[in-house]
Amino acid sequence: MAARAKGRAFISRGVLGRRPKISRGIPVGAMIKCTDNSGAKELRVIQVLGYKGRLRRVPSGAVGDMIIVSVRKGAPDMRKKIFKAVIVRQRKPYRRSNGVWIQFEDNGAVIMTPEGEMRGSEVRGPVAKEAAERWPRIASAASIIV
């Protein structure tokens, strides 16, 4: 029998390391702002990838989580289409391991391709450090990392 590593983090092309415990502030059905230049303006959360929940509990995501979204406002070629995205900001306050509480002005996400690349080329506004650490492509495109 082969020994299996316990607690091994899921590492794919776009994601690095484990996700720290962050208060989940963006439930399924929430409308969030698209903060990249892909052509989308407003996104609706359809599903949180990797969410393990309880019966009848609404799945919710936090900073750094990959979600599935539907474009509600934006370029005509993107509207009514489904994409993967990563949450880069959330309004709900969350606590970092050093004791600091972080809260953003709005909820924001960046649209990604299935391979883990960004669909746009730049990110407008600040990006949470947790999302930048987990997604290096977002960190390289971000202008401000908080």
Protein backbone atom coordinates (compact mmCIF):
# COMPACT_ATOMS: atom_id res chain seq x y z
CA MET A 1 0.00 0.00 0.00
CA ALA A 2 1.25 3.44 -0.89
CA ALA A 3 1.33 6.03 1.86
CA ARG A 4 -0.93 8.99 1.22
CA ALA A 5 0.04 12.53 2.22
CA LYS A 6 -2.50 14.10 4.56
CA GLY A 7 -3.45 17.75 4.33
CA ARG A 8 -1.76 18.22 0.99
CA ALA A 9 -2.79 21.46 -0.68
CA PHE A 10 -4.43 21.42 -4.11
CA ILE A 11 -1.96 22.96 -6.53
CA SER A 12 -2.89 23.55 -10.17
CA ARG A 13 -1.40 25.82 -12.80
CA GLY A 14 -2.83 29.08 -11.54
CA VAL A 15 -3.12 28.54 -7.79
CA LEU A 16 -0.41 28.29 -5.13
CA GLY A 17 -0.58 27.00 -1.56
CA ARG A 18 -3.39 26.68 0.96
CA ARG A 19 -6.12 29.17 1.65
CA PRO A 20 -6.09 30.84 5.10
CA LYS A 21 -9.30 30.98 7.15
CA ILE A 22 -11.18 34.05 5.88
CA SER A 23 -14.75 35.09 6.72
CA ARG A 24 -16.91 34.24 3.72
CA GLY A 25 -18.65 37.42 2.62
CA ILE A 26 -19.94 36.74 -0.92
CA PRO A 27 -22.88 34.30 -1.15
CA VAL A 28 -24.25 32.68 -4.30
CA GLY A 29 -26.56 35.18 -6.03
CA ALA A 30 -24.51 38.24 -5.07
CA MET A 31 -23.79 40.88 -7.70
CA ILE A 32 -20.13 41.89 -7.71
CA LYS A 33 -18.03 44.35 -9.69
CA CYS A 34 -15.63 43.09 -12.36
CA THR A 35 -12.28 44.81 -11.71
CA ASP A 36 -10.37 43.88 -14.87
CA ASN A 37 -10.47 45.19 -18.45
CA SER A 38 -12.05 42.09 -20.01
CA GLY A 39 -15.25 43.95 -21.00
CA ALA A 40 -17.52 42.75 -18.18
CA LYS A 41 -18.85 45.31 -15.67
CA GLU A 42 -21.12 43.41 -13.28
CA LEU A 43 -21.05 39.70 -12.36
CA ARG A 44 -23.50 37.42 -10.56
CA VAL A 45 -22.06 34.58 -8.46
CA ILE A 46 -23.42 31.19 -9.52
CA GLN A 47 -21.20 28.77 -7.61
CA VAL A 48 -18.15 28.70 -5.31
CA LEU A 49 -15.63 26.09 -6.46
CA GLY A 50 -14.33 23.78 -3.73
CA TYR A 51 -17.09 24.75 -1.27
CA LYS A 52 -18.09 21.98 1.11
CA GLY A 53 -21.22 23.00 2.95
CA ARG A 54 -24.26 21.79 4.82
CA LEU A 55 -27.71 20.91 3.52
CA ARG A 56 -29.73 24.05 2.65
CA ARG A 57 -26.85 26.42 3.51
CA VAL A 58 -26.15 28.94 0.77
CA PRO A 59 -22.56 28.53 -0.50
CA SER A 60 -20.42 31.61 -0.08
CA GLY A 61 -16.91 32.64 -1.06
CA ALA A 62 -14.13 34.81 0.32
CA VAL A 63 -11.03 36.59 -0.96
CA GLY A 64 -8.89 34.28 -3.09
CA ASP A 65 -11.68 31.78 -3.88
CA MET A 66 -12.42 30.77 -7.45
CA ILE A 67 -16.09 31.18 -8.33
CA ILE A 68 -18.31 30.66 -11.35
CA VAL A 69 -20.00 33.84 -12.52
CA SER A 70 -22.46 35.03 -15.12
CA VAL A 71 -21.86 38.42 -16.75
CA ARG A 72 -24.91 40.65 -16.17
CA LYS A 73 -23.63 43.98 -17.53
CA GLY A 74 -20.82 44.62 -19.96
CA ALA A 75 -19.75 44.04 -23.55
CA PRO A 76 -22.45 42.39 -25.70
CA ASP A 77 -20.18 39.46 -26.60
CA MET A 78 -19.68 38.66 -22.87
CA ARG A 79 -23.22 39.17 -21.56
CA LYS A 80 -25.24 36.07 -20.54
CA LYS A 81 -22.10 33.92 -20.65
CA ILE A 82 -20.56 31.92 -17.82
CA PHE A 83 -16.93 32.32 -16.73
CA LYS A 84 -14.65 31.42 -13.85
CA ALA A 85 -13.46 34.30 -11.67
CA VAL A 86 -11.38 34.93 -8.55
CA ILE A 87 -12.57 37.19 -5.72
CA VAL A 88 -10.00 39.93 -5.07
CA ARG A 89 -11.96 42.20 -2.65
CA GLN A 90 -14.82 41.77 -0.18
CA ARG A 91 -16.80 44.20 1.96
CA LYS A 92 -17.13 41.83 4.91
CA PRO A 93 -14.27 42.36 7.37
CA TYR A 94 -11.86 39.45 7.87
CA ARG A 95 -8.94 38.96 10.25
CA ARG A 96 -5.38 38.28 9.16
CA SER A 97 -3.05 36.08 11.20
CA ASN A 98 -1.15 39.16 12.46
CA GLY A 99 -4.36 40.46 14.10
CA VAL A 100 -5.25 43.18 11.58
CA TRP A 101 -8.83 43.38 10.33
CA ILE A 102 -9.21 44.08 6.59
CA GLN A 103 -12.30 45.44 4.85
CA PHE A 104 -12.70 46.86 1.33
CA GLU A 105 -15.07 49.48 -0.06
CA ASP A 106 -16.69 47.05 -2.54
CA ASN A 107 -16.76 43.43 -3.68
CA GLY A 108 -14.60 42.74 -6.73
CA ALA A 109 -13.58 39.80 -8.90
CA VAL A 110 -11.27 39.14 -11.86
CA ILE A 111 -12.40 36.89 -14.75
CA MET A 112 -10.08 33.93 -15.42
CA THR A 113 -9.72 31.34 -18.18
CA PRO A 114 -10.12 27.62 -17.33
CA GLU A 115 -6.29 27.29 -17.45
CA GLY A 116 -5.82 29.84 -14.64
CA GLU A 117 -4.78 32.82 -16.82
CA MET A 118 -6.41 36.25 -16.50
CA ARG A 119 -8.81 37.17 -19.31
CA GLY A 120 -7.97 40.88 -19.06
CA SER A 121 -4.53 42.45 -18.90
CA GLU A 122 -4.89 44.80 -15.91
CA VAL A 123 -6.66 44.95 -12.54
CA ARG A 124 -8.32 48.19 -11.45
CA GLY A 125 -8.24 49.10 -7.76
CA PRO A 126 -6.63 47.31 -4.83
CA VAL A 127 -6.20 43.53 -4.58
CA ALA A 128 -6.13 41.65 -1.26
CA LYS A 129 -2.77 40.14 -0.32
CA GLU A 130 -4.43 36.73 0.18
CA ALA A 131 -5.67 36.65 -3.44
CA ALA A 132 -2.32 37.89 -4.77
CA GLU A 133 -0.38 35.19 -2.88
CA ARG A 134 -2.66 32.44 -4.11
CA TRP A 135 -2.92 33.62 -7.75
CA PRO A 136 0.45 34.87 -9.07
CA ARG A 137 -1.03 35.99 -12.43
CA ILE A 138 -3.34 38.38 -10.58
CA ALA A 139 -0.46 39.65 -8.41
CA SER A 140 1.63 40.51 -11.47
CA ALA A 141 -1.24 42.47 -13.08
CA ALA A 142 -2.34 44.27 -9.88
CA SER A 143 -1.37 47.90 -9.37
CA ILE A 144 -2.00 47.95 -5.59
CA ILE A 145 -1.78 44.96 -3.22
CA VAL A 146 -3.23 45.59 0.26
